[in-house]
Amino acid sequence: MRKLNFPILLIYSILFLSSLTVLVPILNLLAMSISDPLKVHELKGLGIFPKGFSLINYKVLFSNPLIVKSIFNSIFITVIGTALNLFLTAMAAYVLARTNFVGKRLVILLLIIIMVFEPGLIPEYLLVKNLGLLNTYWSLILYKAINVFYLFIMMRFFEDIPDSILEAARIDGAGHFRIFTSIMLPLSKPALATLGLFYGVFHWNEYFRATIYLTDPNKWPLQVVLRQFVVERDNTTLLGAQNVLSYDQIASLDFASLQAGTIIISIVPLLLFYPLILKYYAKGALEGGVKD
């Protein structure tokens, strides 16, 4: 009989309980959002089983042109912003980690100062205003185009790539751009996937600066609209509902269920995105890079 390993059992138990603390609230929101509006009051506490079944909440939400538009806004800001973040961060990390130039230590020192001391919201707002970026998507996309902390992570990753690979490329006549695009980036998939997740979550969840810089509701990302519905309980939630529901159906709607459905819509893209990059966490950074 195999001996029970209590340390491993303890670790698995802690991980299982930690997973439950994350999954149960999400499943509770999902159950509320797909429950029958007339029976949702029977769902008590953190119940995860819906009472009846109805997609009426999602019909209402997706009939709202503001929500539909905000989803596309969030996707655009997240995709473009994350791609720009990764490219600029990787390019800056390569220059700082793999090249020598006059004033390199000074640049790194300035980056550390920037990381420690934030300029503050007022100077940031004035800069965005002077650049003519107010009420544009670029006010959110260009904000922290390079996160200094992530830059140092990428620099450390590039420094761990063996010099023998780069020397072989230089012997073959490759310049910095060719080395960066053909060697450094392909070998950096685990780091890029990790930072891509961090940048992507940041852009997707951004709402504070969107409320400051974007005055046109048609340009709001999903999180701002979510805040209108969940925090301020804005009645515009029902905008467009009359086109898909009868008056009696609208009267039977439960606002808490609509809120739950809005939250589910906002987190599903992240839940779908994470498994796509999960495989890169398990791969070695230099898999296939150097052969004996």
Protein backbone atom coordinates (compact mmCIF):
# COMPACT_ATOMS: atom_id res chain seq x y z
CA MET A 1 0.00 0.00 0.00
CA ARG A 2 1.37 3.36 -1.00
CA LYS A 3 2.24 5.61 1.94
CA LEU A 4 0.22 8.81 2.19
CA ASN A 5 2.34 11.90 1.63
CA PHE A 6 0.90 14.48 4.04
CA PRO A 7 2.94 17.50 2.79
CA ILE A 8 1.74 16.90 -0.78
CA LEU A 9 -1.81 16.35 0.46
CA LEU A 10 -1.63 19.62 2.40
CA ILE A 11 -0.39 21.51 -0.65
CA TYR A 12 -3.16 20.06 -2.84
CA SER A 13 -5.76 20.89 -0.21
CA ILE A 14 -4.59 24.51 0.04
CA LEU A 15 -4.58 24.85 -3.78
CA PHE A 16 -8.05 23.30 -3.98
CA LEU A 17 -9.47 25.65 -1.35
CA SER A 18 -7.77 28.62 -3.01
CA SER A 19 -9.33 27.63 -6.32
CA LEU A 20 -12.74 27.44 -4.71
CA THR A 21 -12.44 30.99 -3.38
CA VAL A 22 -12.04 32.13 -6.99
CA LEU A 23 -14.44 29.77 -8.76
CA VAL A 24 -17.43 29.88 -6.41
CA PRO A 25 -18.09 33.66 -6.74
CA ILE A 26 -17.78 33.40 -10.53
CA LEU A 27 -20.13 30.42 -10.67
CA ASN A 28 -22.53 32.26 -8.38
CA LEU A 29 -22.62 35.23 -10.76
CA LEU A 30 -23.10 32.88 -13.70
CA ALA A 31 -25.97 31.12 -11.91
CA MET A 32 -27.65 34.45 -11.19
CA SER A 33 -27.27 35.61 -14.77
CA ILE A 34 -28.88 32.50 -16.31
CA SER A 35 -31.58 31.94 -13.67
CA ASP A 36 -35.22 32.61 -14.40
CA PRO A 37 -35.86 36.25 -13.33
CA LEU A 38 -38.94 35.11 -11.39
CA LYS A 39 -36.94 32.52 -9.45
CA VAL A 40 -33.60 34.23 -8.98
CA HIS A 41 -34.62 35.32 -5.46
CA GLU A 42 -34.49 31.64 -4.49
CA LEU A 43 -30.73 31.67 -5.15
CA LYS A 44 -29.30 32.36 -1.73
CA GLY A 45 -25.78 33.09 -0.57
CA LEU A 46 -23.10 31.76 -2.89
CA GLY A 47 -25.31 29.19 -4.58
CA ILE A 48 -23.83 27.94 -7.84
CA PHE A 49 -26.88 26.17 -9.29
CA PRO A 50 -29.28 28.35 -11.30
CA LYS A 51 -32.96 28.44 -10.46
CA GLY A 52 -34.61 27.61 -13.74
CA PHE A 53 -32.87 28.64 -16.94
CA SER A 54 -33.18 31.79 -18.99
CA LEU A 55 -30.91 33.85 -21.22
CA ILE A 56 -33.15 36.87 -20.96
CA ASN A 57 -30.48 38.89 -19.12
CA TYR A 58 -27.99 38.40 -21.94
CA LYS A 59 -30.64 39.28 -24.52
CA VAL A 60 -31.17 42.56 -22.70
CA LEU A 61 -27.47 43.27 -22.35
CA PHE A 62 -26.55 42.48 -25.95
CA SER A 63 -29.52 44.49 -27.22
CA ASN A 64 -27.95 47.52 -25.56
CA PRO A 65 -25.86 49.29 -28.24
CA LEU A 66 -23.69 50.88 -25.54
CA ILE A 67 -22.56 47.47 -24.25
CA VAL A 68 -21.93 46.06 -27.72
CA LYS A 69 -19.89 49.10 -28.69
CA SER A 70 -17.95 49.03 -25.41
CA ILE A 71 -16.97 45.39 -25.96
CA PHE A 72 -15.42 46.25 -29.32
CA ASN A 73 -13.75 49.30 -27.76
CA SER A 74 -12.18 47.15 -25.04
CA ILE A 75 -11.02 44.55 -27.55
CA PHE A 76 -9.45 47.24 -29.74
CA ILE A 77 -7.71 48.97 -26.84
CA THR A 78 -6.49 45.68 -25.36
CA VAL A 79 -5.21 44.14 -28.60
CA ILE A 80 -3.50 47.26 -29.97
CA GLY A 81 -2.24 48.35 -26.56
CA THR A 82 -0.83 44.94 -25.63
CA ALA A 83 0.87 44.49 -29.01
CA LEU A 84 2.44 47.95 -28.76
CA ASN A 85 3.48 47.31 -25.14
CA LEU A 86 5.20 44.03 -25.99
CA PHE A 87 7.00 45.40 -29.03
CA LEU A 88 8.31 48.53 -27.30
CA THR A 89 9.19 46.68 -24.09
CA ALA A 90 11.06 43.93 -25.93
CA MET A 91 12.86 46.41 -28.17
CA ALA A 92 13.93 48.60 -25.23
CA ALA A 93 14.97 45.54 -23.22
CA TYR A 94 17.16 44.29 -26.08
CA VAL A 95 18.93 47.65 -26.39
CA LEU A 96 19.57 47.89 -22.66
CA ALA A 97 20.51 44.24 -22.14
CA ARG A 98 22.47 43.41 -25.27
CA THR A 99 24.13 46.62 -26.45
CA ASN A 100 26.61 49.05 -24.94
CA PHE A 101 26.20 52.76 -25.49
CA VAL A 102 27.33 55.94 -23.79
CA GLY A 103 25.10 56.82 -20.83
CA LYS A 104 23.58 53.35 -20.44
CA ARG A 105 23.91 53.38 -16.64
CA LEU A 106 22.34 56.82 -16.48
CA VAL A 107 19.37 55.62 -18.53
CA ILE A 108 18.87 52.64 -16.21
CA LEU A 109 19.10 54.94 -13.19
CA LEU A 110 16.46 57.25 -14.67
CA LEU A 111 14.23 54.23 -15.34
CA ILE A 112 14.52 53.17 -11.71
CA ILE A 113 13.58 56.68 -10.59
CA ILE A 114 10.56 56.62 -12.91
CA MET A 115 9.52 53.24 -11.50
CA VAL A 116 9.74 54.46 -7.91
CA PHE A 117 8.33 57.98 -8.30
CA GLU A 118 5.11 58.36 -10.29
CA PRO A 119 4.56 61.82 -11.83
CA GLY A 120 1.00 62.11 -10.54
CA LEU A 121 -2.37 62.41 -12.22
CA ILE A 122 -2.38 66.18 -12.85
CA PRO A 123 0.90 66.34 -14.84
CA GLU A 124 -0.24 63.23 -16.70
CA TYR A 125 -3.58 64.84 -17.60
CA LEU A 126 -1.88 68.03 -18.79
CA LEU A 127 0.50 65.99 -20.95
CA VAL A 128 -2.37 64.05 -22.53
CA LYS A 129 -4.22 67.30 -23.13
CA ASN A 130 -1.21 69.04 -24.71
CA LEU A 131 -0.65 66.07 -27.00
CA GLY A 132 -4.26 66.33 -28.21
CA LEU A 133 -5.13 62.82 -27.01
CA LEU A 134 -8.18 63.69 -24.92
CA ASN A 135 -11.29 61.73 -25.92
CA THR A 136 -9.25 59.35 -28.10
CA TYR A 137 -8.40 55.68 -27.69
CA TRP A 138 -4.71 56.57 -27.76
CA SER A 139 -4.95 58.23 -24.35
CA LEU A 140 -5.42 54.72 -22.95
CA ILE A 141 -3.28 52.78 -25.41
CA LEU A 142 -0.18 54.94 -25.00
CA TYR A 143 -0.43 55.18 -21.21
CA LYS A 144 2.55 53.25 -19.78
CA ALA A 145 3.46 51.99 -23.22
CA ILE A 146 6.53 50.60 -21.45
CA ASN A 147 6.08 49.46 -17.88
CA VAL A 148 9.52 49.85 -16.29
CA PHE A 149 9.07 46.87 -13.98
CA TYR A 150 8.16 44.63 -16.93
CA LEU A 151 11.07 46.13 -18.86
CA PHE A 152 13.51 44.92 -16.21
CA ILE A 153 11.93 41.46 -16.32
CA MET A 154 12.44 41.35 -20.08
CA MET A 155 16.00 42.61 -19.75
CA ARG A 156 16.80 39.83 -17.30
CA PHE A 157 15.35 37.28 -19.71
CA PHE A 158 17.44 38.59 -22.62
CA GLU A 159 20.58 38.55 -20.47
CA ASP A 160 20.10 34.83 -19.83
CA ILE A 161 20.22 33.97 -23.54
CA PRO A 162 23.69 32.49 -24.25
CA ASP A 163 26.16 34.69 -26.08
CA SER A 164 27.03 31.75 -28.35
CA ILE A 165 23.69 32.13 -30.15
CA LEU A 166 24.25 35.82 -30.82
CA GLU A 167 27.87 35.30 -31.85
CA ALA A 168 26.80 32.67 -34.37
CA ALA A 169 24.25 35.09 -35.79
CA ARG A 170 26.82 37.88 -36.07
CA ILE A 171 29.24 35.55 -37.88
CA ASP A 172 26.46 34.86 -40.40
CA GLY A 173 26.18 38.62 -40.96
CA ALA A 174 23.04 39.34 -38.90
CA GLY A 175 22.63 42.86 -37.54
CA HIS A 176 20.82 44.00 -34.45
CA PHE A 177 17.40 44.11 -36.10
CA ARG A 178 17.78 40.62 -37.55
CA ILE A 179 19.02 39.25 -34.23
CA PHE A 180 16.13 40.90 -32.39
CA THR A 181 13.38 39.68 -34.73
CA SER A 182 14.75 36.26 -35.72
CA ILE A 183 16.46 35.12 -32.51
CA MET A 184 15.52 37.12 -29.43
CA LEU A 185 11.77 37.30 -29.99
CA PRO A 186 11.28 33.60 -30.92
CA LEU A 187 13.30 32.55 -27.86
CA SER A 188 11.32 34.92 -25.69
CA LYS A 189 7.87 33.40 -26.13
CA PRO A 190 7.51 32.46 -22.43
CA ALA A 191 8.45 35.97 -21.30
CA LEU A 192 6.31 37.62 -23.98
CA ALA A 193 3.35 35.45 -23.02
CA THR A 194 3.74 36.35 -19.36
CA LEU A 195 4.08 40.08 -19.97
CA GLY A 196 1.34 39.91 -22.60
CA LEU A 197 -1.02 38.53 -19.97
CA PHE A 198 -0.07 41.30 -17.53
CA TYR A 199 -0.42 44.05 -20.12
CA GLY A 200 -3.64 42.56 -21.51
CA VAL A 201 -5.31 42.33 -18.11
CA PHE A 202 -4.23 45.91 -17.36
CA HIS A 203 -5.77 47.27 -20.57
CA TRP A 204 -8.93 45.17 -20.28
CA ASN A 205 -9.60 46.25 -16.69
CA GLU A 206 -8.72 49.93 -17.18
CA TYR A 207 -11.61 52.20 -16.27
CA PHE A 208 -10.27 55.00 -14.05
CA ARG A 209 -8.36 56.84 -16.77
CA ALA A 210 -11.09 56.06 -19.27
CA THR A 211 -13.55 57.99 -17.12
CA ILE A 212 -11.11 60.93 -17.07
CA TYR A 213 -9.91 61.03 -20.68
CA LEU A 214 -12.96 59.74 -22.59
CA THR A 215 -16.07 61.92 -22.55
CA ASP A 216 -17.84 60.26 -25.48
CA PRO A 217 -19.91 57.25 -24.24
CA ASN A 218 -19.43 55.59 -27.64
CA LYS A 219 -15.70 55.37 -26.89
CA TRP A 220 -16.05 53.95 -23.39
CA PRO A 221 -14.46 50.54 -22.77
CA LEU A 222 -16.54 47.80 -21.21
CA GLN A 223 -15.31 48.43 -17.67
CA VAL A 224 -16.67 52.00 -17.68
CA VAL A 225 -20.08 50.80 -18.85
CA LEU A 226 -19.90 48.04 -16.24
CA ARG A 227 -19.30 50.65 -13.57
CA GLN A 228 -22.33 52.64 -14.77
CA PHE A 229 -24.53 49.57 -14.41
CA VAL A 230 -23.11 47.99 -11.26
CA VAL A 231 -21.94 50.92 -9.12
CA GLU A 232 -24.19 53.77 -10.22
CA ARG A 233 -27.13 51.47 -11.13
CA ASP A 234 -27.63 53.43 -14.34
CA ASN A 235 -31.02 52.79 -15.97
CA THR A 236 -29.43 52.80 -19.40
CA THR A 237 -28.95 49.06 -18.78
CA LEU A 238 -32.39 48.56 -20.32
CA LEU A 239 -31.57 50.61 -23.41
CA GLY A 240 -32.67 48.53 -26.39
CA ALA A 241 -34.55 45.95 -24.27
CA GLN A 242 -37.89 47.05 -25.74
CA ASN A 243 -36.71 45.74 -29.11
CA VAL A 244 -36.31 42.14 -27.89
CA LEU A 245 -38.65 41.82 -24.91
CA SER A 246 -42.29 42.51 -24.13
CA TYR A 247 -43.34 44.98 -21.46
CA ASP A 248 -44.18 42.14 -19.03
CA GLN A 249 -40.75 40.57 -19.55
CA ILE A 250 -39.01 43.88 -18.93
CA ALA A 251 -41.05 44.37 -15.74
CA SER A 252 -39.97 40.93 -14.48
CA LEU A 253 -36.24 41.60 -14.90
CA ASP A 254 -34.04 41.43 -11.82
CA PHE A 255 -31.43 44.20 -11.71
CA ALA A 256 -28.96 42.10 -9.68
CA SER A 257 -29.10 39.42 -12.38
CA LEU A 258 -28.39 42.03 -15.04
CA GLN A 259 -25.40 43.19 -13.02
CA ALA A 260 -24.16 39.61 -12.71
CA GLY A 261 -24.52 39.10 -16.46
CA THR A 262 -22.55 42.28 -17.15
CA ILE A 263 -19.73 41.10 -14.88
CA ILE A 264 -19.67 37.68 -16.55
CA ILE A 265 -19.39 39.33 -19.98
CA SER A 266 -16.42 41.35 -18.73
CA ILE A 267 -14.45 38.39 -17.34
CA VAL A 268 -15.15 35.71 -19.96
CA PRO A 269 -12.61 37.07 -22.51
CA LEU A 270 -9.84 36.87 -19.90
CA LEU A 271 -10.85 33.34 -18.96
CA LEU A 272 -10.68 32.35 -22.63
CA PHE A 273 -7.39 34.16 -23.22
CA TYR A 274 -5.48 32.61 -20.33
CA PRO A 275 -5.50 28.96 -21.57
CA LEU A 276 -4.15 30.11 -24.94
CA ILE A 277 -0.90 31.29 -23.41
CA LEU A 278 -0.73 28.80 -20.54
CA LYS A 279 1.40 26.39 -22.58
CA TYR A 280 4.21 28.93 -22.81
CA TYR A 281 4.66 28.96 -19.03
CA ALA A 282 5.73 25.32 -19.04
CA LYS A 283 8.18 25.64 -21.91
CA GLY A 284 11.86 26.27 -21.41
CA ALA A 285 13.02 29.70 -22.45
CA LEU A 286 15.77 28.25 -24.65
CA GLU A 287 13.99 25.15 -25.89
CA GLY A 288 15.83 24.13 -29.05
CA GLY A 289 18.04 27.22 -28.90
CA VAL A 290 21.33 25.47 -28.12
CA LYS A 291 22.24 21.94 -29.02
CA ASP A 292 25.19 19.96 -27.76
